[in-house]
Amino acid sequence: MPDWTEHLNTLANQLWRLSPACRITADPGRLKLVAHRGAYIAGINSLAPENTLAAFDRCLQHNIWGIELDVRLTQDGEPVVHHDPACGRLFQRPDLQIANTTFATLRRELPQIPHLQEVIEQYGKQLHLMIELKVSWRDYKPLQPQLTRLLTALEPAEDYHLLSLEPDHLEGFRQLPPAALVDVALTNVSDILRQNQALGHGAVAGSFALIGNATIRRLQLAGKQVGTGQINLPDIMNREAARGVDWLFSDKPLSLKPMS
């Protein structure tokens, strides 16, 4: 999420603790906790930066249900796991733009950034993969065949979902069951709900503070799944579990795990 949404999310986590549903302890067996970009450690020179194998390893070690990861394509069409268009924020290499850098160069300069194939091979069927597409199949033609090939051994909706902030990014994957396609909202919940209905995608995810109870009920009555985030306090986890959401996304999954 952008910085301003992180601040709003922190405030929402505190304010929504007043909800009576926060006092209902969540059933651990029914929680599907998703580590947003892995169970990463923030900060320069981190031992487990976001979207790295080290961050995903921590999810395995702590029995987290799933991981959210971001996919971009290198200059030569290789899918790599990295959130930003460039590598300045995490690795102090703003000169390395993913789309303008070959995979060989990226691997030589920043070996921490994994290829999607590495993630699938190491964590497929052990962690549920919530794969967010940061680029469009319309602009990057290799995206659809590359992902289709890499995901062949996994079952869509059962082992992985594809996510995007732009619902059209998922339209290149209509060979998958609708249940595997998740439209993600920031503050534009109404617009995402409208597009989700029009396109027939099977799930919606967004801020727990902006997706109301009526919306959850309406989506579930339509046979769709719902994910909410970013849930960073056990009280909010309790509230979301009481509301019956399917997935709980968190930037701080290990702080929730003792309660889950």
Protein backbone atom coordinates (compact mmCIF):
# COMPACT_ATOMS: atom_id res chain seq x y z
CA MET A 1 0.00 0.00 0.00
CA PRO A 2 1.18 3.59 -0.54
CA ASP A 3 2.56 5.42 2.52
CA TRP A 4 -0.63 7.43 3.16
CA THR A 5 -2.74 4.29 3.19
CA GLU A 6 -0.33 2.72 5.68
CA HIS A 7 -0.92 5.64 8.05
CA LEU A 8 -4.69 5.38 7.59
CA ASN A 9 -4.54 1.64 8.14
CA THR A 10 -2.62 2.08 11.40
CA LEU A 11 -5.24 4.54 12.59
CA ALA A 12 -8.08 2.23 11.54
CA ASN A 13 -6.52 -0.71 13.40
CA GLN A 14 -6.63 1.38 16.57
CA LEU A 15 -10.11 2.87 16.10
CA TRP A 16 -11.85 -0.37 15.12
CA ARG A 17 -10.63 -2.02 18.32
CA LEU A 18 -13.70 -0.46 19.93
CA SER A 19 -15.96 -2.82 18.00
CA PRO A 20 -17.72 -5.42 20.21
CA ALA A 21 -16.74 -8.11 17.70
CA CYS A 22 -13.10 -7.59 18.70
CA ARG A 23 -13.91 -9.28 22.01
CA ILE A 24 -14.94 -12.55 20.34
CA THR A 25 -11.82 -14.72 20.21
CA ALA A 26 -11.24 -16.07 16.73
CA ASP A 27 -11.35 -19.82 16.07
CA PRO A 28 -7.77 -20.73 15.00
CA GLY A 29 -8.96 -23.58 12.85
CA ARG A 30 -11.04 -21.33 10.62
CA LEU A 31 -8.50 -18.56 10.02
CA LYS A 32 -6.69 -18.23 6.71
CA LEU A 33 -3.95 -15.75 7.49
CA VAL A 34 -2.04 -14.33 4.51
CA ALA A 35 1.35 -12.69 5.05
CA HIS A 36 1.40 -9.56 2.88
CA ARG A 37 4.73 -9.76 1.01
CA GLY A 38 5.78 -12.48 3.44
CA ALA A 39 6.69 -12.28 7.11
CA TYR A 40 9.24 -9.62 6.25
CA ILE A 41 11.47 -7.53 8.47
CA ALA A 42 11.40 -3.86 7.51
CA GLY A 43 14.47 -1.63 7.33
CA ILE A 44 17.67 -1.14 5.39
CA ASN A 45 19.94 -4.20 5.35
CA SER A 46 17.10 -6.37 6.64
CA LEU A 47 17.78 -10.09 6.92
CA ALA A 48 14.33 -10.79 5.45
CA PRO A 49 13.15 -8.02 3.11
CA GLU A 50 9.62 -8.15 1.73
CA ASN A 51 8.94 -10.48 -1.21
CA THR A 52 12.10 -12.52 -0.63
CA LEU A 53 12.67 -16.20 0.07
CA ALA A 54 13.83 -15.28 3.57
CA ALA A 55 10.49 -13.58 4.27
CA PHE A 56 8.57 -16.55 2.87
CA ASP A 57 10.69 -19.02 4.84
CA ARG A 58 9.54 -17.33 8.03
CA CYS A 59 5.94 -18.04 7.03
CA LEU A 60 6.71 -21.73 6.70
CA GLN A 61 8.50 -21.75 10.05
CA HIS A 62 5.51 -20.17 11.80
CA ASN A 63 2.79 -22.13 9.98
CA ILE A 64 1.23 -19.14 8.26
CA TRP A 65 -1.48 -20.27 5.83
CA GLY A 66 -0.54 -18.16 2.81
CA ILE A 67 1.67 -15.47 1.31
CA GLU A 68 0.88 -12.51 -0.91
CA LEU A 69 3.59 -11.75 -3.46
CA ASP A 70 3.97 -9.26 -6.30
CA VAL A 71 5.01 -10.18 -9.83
CA ARG A 72 6.71 -8.00 -12.43
CA LEU A 73 8.43 -8.89 -15.71
CA THR A 74 12.06 -8.20 -16.49
CA GLN A 75 13.16 -6.75 -19.81
CA ASP A 76 13.47 -10.25 -21.24
CA GLY A 77 10.07 -11.35 -20.00
CA GLU A 78 11.00 -13.27 -16.84
CA PRO A 79 8.52 -13.02 -13.94
CA VAL A 80 10.22 -11.89 -10.73
CA VAL A 81 8.83 -11.22 -7.29
CA HIS A 82 9.13 -7.54 -6.41
CA HIS A 83 6.57 -4.88 -5.53
CA ASP A 84 8.03 -1.62 -6.85
CA PRO A 85 8.89 -0.79 -10.47
CA ALA A 86 12.47 -0.06 -9.35
CA CYS A 87 14.77 -1.36 -6.64
CA GLY A 88 15.54 1.81 -4.70
CA ARG A 89 13.24 1.51 -1.68
CA LEU A 90 14.36 -1.94 -0.60
CA PHE A 91 17.83 -2.32 -2.01
CA GLN A 92 19.09 1.25 -2.61
CA ARG A 93 19.39 0.59 -6.35
CA PRO A 94 16.98 3.07 -7.97
CA ASP A 95 18.97 2.68 -11.18
CA LEU A 96 17.61 -0.85 -11.60
CA GLN A 97 14.15 -0.64 -13.17
CA ILE A 98 12.69 -4.15 -13.35
CA ALA A 99 11.13 -3.64 -16.79
CA ASN A 100 14.40 -2.29 -18.20
CA THR A 101 16.72 -4.88 -16.68
CA THR A 102 17.40 -8.40 -17.92
CA PHE A 103 16.95 -11.24 -15.47
CA ALA A 104 20.64 -12.13 -15.68
CA THR A 105 21.61 -8.61 -14.68
CA LEU A 106 19.04 -8.49 -11.90
CA ARG A 107 20.21 -11.84 -10.54
CA ARG A 108 23.84 -10.70 -10.60
CA GLU A 109 23.16 -7.33 -8.98
CA LEU A 110 20.34 -8.25 -6.57
CA PRO A 111 20.18 -12.01 -5.98
CA GLN A 112 17.65 -11.43 -3.15
CA ILE A 113 14.92 -10.82 -5.73
CA PRO A 114 13.50 -14.26 -6.55
CA HIS A 115 12.22 -15.60 -9.82
CA LEU A 116 8.59 -16.67 -9.58
CA GLN A 117 9.61 -20.22 -10.47
CA GLU A 118 11.78 -20.38 -7.34
CA VAL A 119 8.86 -19.32 -5.17
CA ILE A 120 6.50 -21.85 -6.74
CA GLU A 121 9.03 -24.68 -6.45
CA GLN A 122 9.86 -23.94 -2.82
CA TYR A 123 6.44 -23.03 -1.44
CA GLY A 124 3.80 -24.37 -3.82
CA LYS A 125 1.34 -26.63 -1.96
CA GLN A 126 3.00 -25.67 1.33
CA LEU A 127 1.83 -22.07 1.41
CA HIS A 128 -1.20 -20.74 -0.41
CA LEU A 129 0.09 -18.32 -3.07
CA MET A 130 -1.75 -15.02 -3.51
CA ILE A 131 0.00 -13.75 -6.65
CA GLU A 132 -0.57 -10.06 -7.36
CA LEU A 133 0.03 -8.99 -10.93
CA LYS A 134 1.63 -5.56 -11.14
CA VAL A 135 1.67 -5.46 -14.95
CA SER A 136 -0.95 -6.07 -17.63
CA TRP A 137 -1.06 -9.00 -20.02
CA ARG A 138 -2.09 -6.46 -22.66
CA ASP A 139 1.22 -4.60 -22.37
CA TYR A 140 3.46 -7.57 -21.58
CA LYS A 141 2.53 -10.43 -23.88
CA PRO A 142 4.87 -12.99 -22.21
CA LEU A 143 3.02 -12.68 -18.91
CA GLN A 144 0.13 -15.04 -19.62
CA PRO A 145 2.10 -17.94 -21.13
CA GLN A 146 4.88 -17.61 -18.55
CA LEU A 147 2.53 -17.76 -15.56
CA THR A 148 0.41 -20.49 -17.10
CA ARG A 149 3.49 -22.67 -17.60
CA LEU A 150 4.89 -22.05 -14.12
CA LEU A 151 1.57 -22.73 -12.38
CA THR A 152 0.78 -25.96 -14.25
CA ALA A 153 1.48 -28.21 -11.25
CA LEU A 154 -0.76 -26.18 -8.93
CA GLU A 155 -4.54 -26.18 -8.67
CA PRO A 156 -6.14 -22.75 -9.21
CA ALA A 157 -8.22 -21.50 -6.24
CA GLU A 158 -7.01 -24.49 -4.23
CA ASP A 159 -3.25 -23.74 -4.25
CA TYR A 160 -3.15 -20.18 -5.58
CA HIS A 161 -5.14 -17.09 -6.55
CA LEU A 162 -4.28 -14.28 -8.95
CA LEU A 163 -4.87 -10.75 -7.63
CA SER A 164 -4.78 -7.30 -9.13
CA LEU A 165 -5.65 -3.71 -8.31
CA GLU A 166 -6.73 -3.49 -11.97
CA PRO A 167 -9.41 -6.12 -12.69
CA ASP A 168 -8.56 -6.06 -16.40
CA HIS A 169 -5.10 -7.44 -15.56
CA LEU A 170 -6.85 -10.71 -14.72
CA GLU A 171 -8.81 -10.91 -17.97
CA GLY A 172 -5.84 -12.51 -19.70
CA PHE A 173 -6.33 -15.54 -17.45
CA ARG A 174 -9.95 -16.43 -18.21
CA GLN A 175 -8.88 -20.03 -18.76
CA LEU A 176 -8.79 -20.23 -14.96
CA PRO A 177 -11.95 -20.73 -12.92
CA PRO A 178 -13.48 -17.41 -11.81
CA ALA A 179 -12.90 -18.42 -8.18
CA ALA A 180 -9.14 -18.02 -8.75
CA LEU A 181 -9.40 -14.32 -9.71
CA VAL A 182 -9.39 -11.68 -6.97
CA ASP A 183 -10.06 -7.97 -7.57
CA VAL A 184 -8.33 -5.76 -5.00
CA ALA A 185 -9.65 -2.38 -3.83
CA LEU A 186 -7.80 0.46 -2.15
CA THR A 187 -10.22 3.33 -1.49
CA ASN A 188 -12.16 2.63 -4.71
CA VAL A 189 -14.34 -0.13 -3.25
CA SER A 190 -17.51 0.79 -5.17
CA ASP A 191 -15.68 0.84 -8.50
CA ILE A 192 -13.95 -2.50 -7.82
CA LEU A 193 -17.26 -4.08 -6.79
CA ARG A 194 -18.85 -2.85 -10.02
CA GLN A 195 -16.02 -4.25 -12.15
CA ASN A 196 -16.01 -7.52 -10.22
CA GLN A 197 -19.69 -8.03 -10.94
CA ALA A 198 -19.33 -7.07 -14.59
CA LEU A 199 -16.35 -9.36 -15.21
CA GLY A 200 -17.57 -12.25 -13.09
CA HIS A 201 -14.38 -12.66 -11.08
CA GLY A 202 -14.80 -14.83 -8.02
CA ALA A 203 -13.43 -12.76 -5.15
CA VAL A 204 -12.79 -9.29 -3.77
CA ALA A 205 -10.19 -8.06 -1.29
CA GLY A 206 -9.78 -4.67 0.35
CA SER A 207 -9.40 -2.69 3.55
CA PHE A 208 -11.24 -4.09 6.56
CA ALA A 209 -12.25 -0.51 7.37
CA LEU A 210 -13.88 0.08 3.98
CA ILE A 211 -15.62 -3.22 3.26
CA GLY A 212 -18.79 -3.20 5.32
CA ASN A 213 -20.88 -6.06 6.65
CA ALA A 214 -23.56 -5.59 4.00
CA THR A 215 -20.94 -5.83 1.25
CA ILE A 216 -19.52 -9.02 2.72
CA ARG A 217 -22.96 -10.59 2.92
CA ARG A 218 -23.83 -9.55 -0.64
CA LEU A 219 -20.61 -11.00 -2.04
CA GLN A 220 -20.94 -14.25 -0.16
CA LEU A 221 -24.57 -14.66 -1.20
CA ALA A 222 -23.31 -14.33 -4.78
CA GLY A 223 -20.87 -17.19 -4.12
CA LYS A 224 -17.80 -14.98 -3.97
CA GLN A 225 -14.97 -15.01 -1.44
CA VAL A 226 -13.81 -11.97 0.50
CA GLY A 227 -10.42 -10.99 1.89
CA THR A 228 -9.69 -8.03 4.17
CA GLY A 229 -6.47 -6.32 5.22
CA GLN A 230 -4.28 -5.00 6.53
CA ILE A 231 -5.07 -6.57 9.89
CA ASN A 232 -2.21 -5.91 12.24
CA LEU A 233 -3.78 -6.33 15.70
CA PRO A 234 -5.27 -9.48 17.27
CA ASP A 235 -8.45 -7.56 18.17
CA ILE A 236 -9.04 -6.69 14.52
CA MET A 237 -8.35 -10.30 13.54
CA ASN A 238 -11.09 -11.33 15.95
CA ARG A 239 -13.49 -8.83 14.39
CA GLU A 240 -12.82 -9.99 10.83
CA ALA A 241 -13.16 -13.64 11.80
CA ALA A 242 -16.51 -12.82 13.43
CA ARG A 243 -17.60 -11.10 10.21
CA GLY A 244 -16.90 -14.32 8.31
CA VAL A 245 -14.27 -13.11 5.83
CA ASP A 246 -12.38 -15.82 3.98
CA TRP A 247 -8.82 -14.43 4.12
CA LEU A 248 -7.05 -12.10 6.54
CA PHE A 249 -4.15 -10.17 4.99
CA SER A 250 -1.53 -8.74 7.35
CA ASP A 251 1.80 -6.91 7.26
CA LYS A 252 2.46 -8.28 10.75
CA PRO A 253 1.36 -11.90 10.57
CA LEU A 254 3.65 -13.13 13.34
CA SER A 255 2.05 -10.73 15.81
CA LEU A 256 -1.29 -12.40 15.06
CA LYS A 257 -0.08 -15.99 15.01
CA PRO A 258 -0.13 -16.59 18.80
CA MET A 259 -3.83 -15.71 18.75
CA SER A 260 -4.52 -17.82 15.66
